[in-house]
Amino acid sequence: SAAERERIVAQLQKKTRPQTPIVFATIAYSEQVYSAAGESPLESFIQQPFTLVTGIANPQPLLDFLKSKGVDFQHIAFPDHHHFTDKEL
């Protein structure tokens, strides 16, 4: 929210130089899924359950996005920057 951003900016300004820019970023997910097999619309996964494997710090936004699209998936979470073994793959 705007109020939350203002609160964060006020806190950061206390700890940074006046000329330091403070920016915010968001995640915008694609409606396409890209893989070695090619490109497919996300909608094609709604009727086809699959397993999602993540190795990212916070997969929750991705999980929330997929759930909001009605996608049926099982999630297997690994730690951030996980080095997958041949057995895991």
C-alpha atoms as a PDB file:
ATOM      1  CA  SER A   1       0.000   0.000   0.000  1.00  0.00           C
ATOM      2  CA  ALA A   2       1.046   3.616  -0.375  1.00  0.00           C
ATOM      3  CA  ALA A   3       1.125   4.060   3.402  1.00  0.00           C
ATOM      4  CA  GLU A   4       3.407   1.045   3.795  1.00  0.00           C
ATOM      5  CA  ARG A   5       5.778   2.371   1.118  1.00  0.00           C
ATOM      6  CA  GLU A   6       5.908   5.771   2.848  1.00  0.00           C
ATOM      7  CA  ARG A   7       6.707   4.077   6.155  1.00  0.00           C
ATOM      8  CA  ILE A   8       9.518   2.063   4.552  1.00  0.00           C
ATOM      9  CA  VAL A   9      10.926   5.140   2.776  1.00  0.00           C
ATOM     10  CA  ALA A  10      10.934   7.097   6.047  1.00  0.00           C
ATOM     11  CA  GLN A  11      12.858   4.298   7.785  1.00  0.00           C
ATOM     12  CA  LEU A  12      15.369   3.958   4.952  1.00  0.00           C
ATOM     13  CA  GLN A  13      15.951   7.709   4.713  1.00  0.00           C
ATOM     14  CA  LYS A  14      17.155   7.681   8.313  1.00  0.00           C
ATOM     15  CA  LYS A  15      19.910   5.226   7.338  1.00  0.00           C
ATOM     16  CA  THR A  16      20.942   6.477   3.890  1.00  0.00           C
ATOM     17  CA  ARG A  17      22.406   9.596   2.330  1.00  0.00           C
ATOM     18  CA  PRO A  18      19.867  12.182   1.135  1.00  0.00           C
ATOM     19  CA  GLN A  19      20.768  11.609  -2.537  1.00  0.00           C
ATOM     20  CA  THR A  20      20.294   7.837  -2.324  1.00  0.00           C
ATOM     21  CA  PRO A  21      17.357   6.818  -4.516  1.00  0.00           C
ATOM     22  CA  ILE A  22      14.815   4.474  -2.973  1.00  0.00           C
ATOM     23  CA  VAL A  23      12.889   2.378  -5.471  1.00  0.00           C
ATOM     24  CA  PHE A  24      10.322  -0.402  -5.255  1.00  0.00           C
ATOM     25  CA  ALA A  25       9.891  -3.346  -7.602  1.00  0.00           C
ATOM     26  CA  THR A  26       7.107  -5.797  -8.251  1.00  0.00           C
ATOM     27  CA  ILE A  27       6.824  -9.193  -9.900  1.00  0.00           C
ATOM     28  CA  ALA A  28       4.686  -9.579 -13.002  1.00  0.00           C
ATOM     29  CA  TYR A  29       4.226 -13.183 -14.084  1.00  0.00           C
ATOM     30  CA  SER A  30       3.788 -14.128 -17.719  1.00  0.00           C
ATOM     31  CA  GLU A  31       0.716 -15.881 -19.065  1.00  0.00           C
ATOM     32  CA  GLN A  32       3.163 -18.099 -20.986  1.00  0.00           C
ATOM     33  CA  VAL A  33       5.247 -21.005 -19.705  1.00  0.00           C
ATOM     34  CA  TYR A  34       8.680 -21.423 -21.268  1.00  0.00           C
ATOM     35  CA  SER A  35      10.613 -24.701 -21.253  1.00  0.00           C
ATOM     36  CA  ALA A  36      13.046 -26.740 -23.327  1.00  0.00           C
ATOM     37  CA  ALA A  37       9.972 -28.159 -25.099  1.00  0.00           C
ATOM     38  CA  GLY A  38       8.869 -24.689 -26.171  1.00  0.00           C
ATOM     39  CA  GLU A  39       6.263 -22.140 -25.146  1.00  0.00           C
ATOM     40  CA  SER A  40       2.773 -22.960 -23.855  1.00  0.00           C
ATOM     41  CA  PRO A  41      -0.045 -20.800 -22.526  1.00  0.00           C
ATOM     42  CA  LEU A  42      -0.469 -21.020 -18.762  1.00  0.00           C
ATOM     43  CA  GLU A  43      -4.125 -21.917 -19.367  1.00  0.00           C
ATOM     44  CA  SER A  44      -3.018 -25.261 -20.820  1.00  0.00           C
ATOM     45  CA  PHE A  45      -1.823 -26.273 -17.343  1.00  0.00           C
ATOM     46  CA  ILE A  46      -5.187 -25.696 -15.681  1.00  0.00           C
ATOM     47  CA  GLN A  47      -6.501 -29.081 -16.818  1.00  0.00           C
ATOM     48  CA  GLN A  48      -3.185 -30.904 -16.464  1.00  0.00           C
ATOM     49  CA  PRO A  49      -1.841 -31.415 -12.915  1.00  0.00           C
ATOM     50  CA  PHE A  50       1.929 -31.051 -12.606  1.00  0.00           C
ATOM     51  CA  THR A  51       4.744 -30.828 -10.082  1.00  0.00           C
ATOM     52  CA  LEU A  52       6.352 -27.442  -9.484  1.00  0.00           C
ATOM     53  CA  VAL A  53       9.925 -27.602  -8.191  1.00  0.00           C
ATOM     54  CA  THR A  54      11.383 -24.397  -6.754  1.00  0.00           C
ATOM     55  CA  GLY A  55      14.780 -23.401  -5.421  1.00  0.00           C
ATOM     56  CA  ILE A  56      14.049 -19.768  -4.621  1.00  0.00           C
ATOM     57  CA  ALA A  57      14.046 -17.791  -1.380  1.00  0.00           C
ATOM     58  CA  ASN A  58      10.326 -17.058  -1.307  1.00  0.00           C
ATOM     59  CA  PRO A  59       8.186 -19.155  -3.638  1.00  0.00           C
ATOM     60  CA  GLN A  60       4.923 -17.969  -2.033  1.00  0.00           C
ATOM     61  CA  PRO A  61       4.138 -15.214  -4.587  1.00  0.00           C
ATOM     62  CA  LEU A  62       4.528 -17.761  -7.403  1.00  0.00           C
ATOM     63  CA  LEU A  63       2.356 -20.293  -5.566  1.00  0.00           C
ATOM     64  CA  ASP A  64      -0.306 -17.640  -4.948  1.00  0.00           C
ATOM     65  CA  PHE A  65      -0.249 -16.608  -8.618  1.00  0.00           C
ATOM     66  CA  LEU A  66      -0.683 -20.175  -9.846  1.00  0.00           C
ATOM     67  CA  LYS A  67      -3.474 -20.858  -7.352  1.00  0.00           C
ATOM     68  CA  SER A  68      -5.260 -17.668  -8.458  1.00  0.00           C
ATOM     69  CA  LYS A  69      -5.216 -19.039 -12.012  1.00  0.00           C
ATOM     70  CA  GLY A  70      -6.811 -22.318 -10.906  1.00  0.00           C
ATOM     71  CA  VAL A  71      -3.751 -24.390 -11.735  1.00  0.00           C
ATOM     72  CA  ASP A  72      -3.574 -27.873 -10.146  1.00  0.00           C
ATOM     73  CA  PHE A  73      -0.038 -28.570  -8.955  1.00  0.00           C
ATOM     74  CA  GLN A  74       2.065 -30.221  -6.283  1.00  0.00           C
ATOM     75  CA  HIS A  75       4.927 -28.115  -4.920  1.00  0.00           C
ATOM     76  CA  ILE A  76       8.346 -29.432  -3.964  1.00  0.00           C
ATOM     77  CA  ALA A  77      10.438 -26.694  -2.345  1.00  0.00           C
ATOM     78  CA  PHE A  78      14.210 -26.648  -2.118  1.00  0.00           C
ATOM     79  CA  PRO A  79      16.340 -23.964  -0.440  1.00  0.00           C
ATOM     80  CA  ASP A  80      17.335 -20.809  -2.297  1.00  0.00           C
ATOM     81  CA  HIS A  81      20.005 -21.458  -4.967  1.00  0.00           C
ATOM     82  CA  HIS A  82      19.845 -25.192  -4.272  1.00  0.00           C
ATOM     83  CA  HIS A  83      22.431 -27.247  -6.161  1.00  0.00           C
ATOM     84  CA  PHE A  84      20.313 -30.061  -7.559  1.00  0.00           C
ATOM     85  CA  THR A  85      21.876 -33.499  -7.708  1.00  0.00           C
ATOM     86  CA  ASP A  86      21.353 -35.875 -10.609  1.00  0.00           C
ATOM     87  CA  LYS A  87      19.148 -37.977  -8.333  1.00  0.00           C
ATOM     88  CA  GLU A  88      16.920 -34.988  -7.494  1.00  0.00           C
ATOM     89  CA  LEU A  89      16.498 -34.137 -11.153  1.00  0.00           C
END
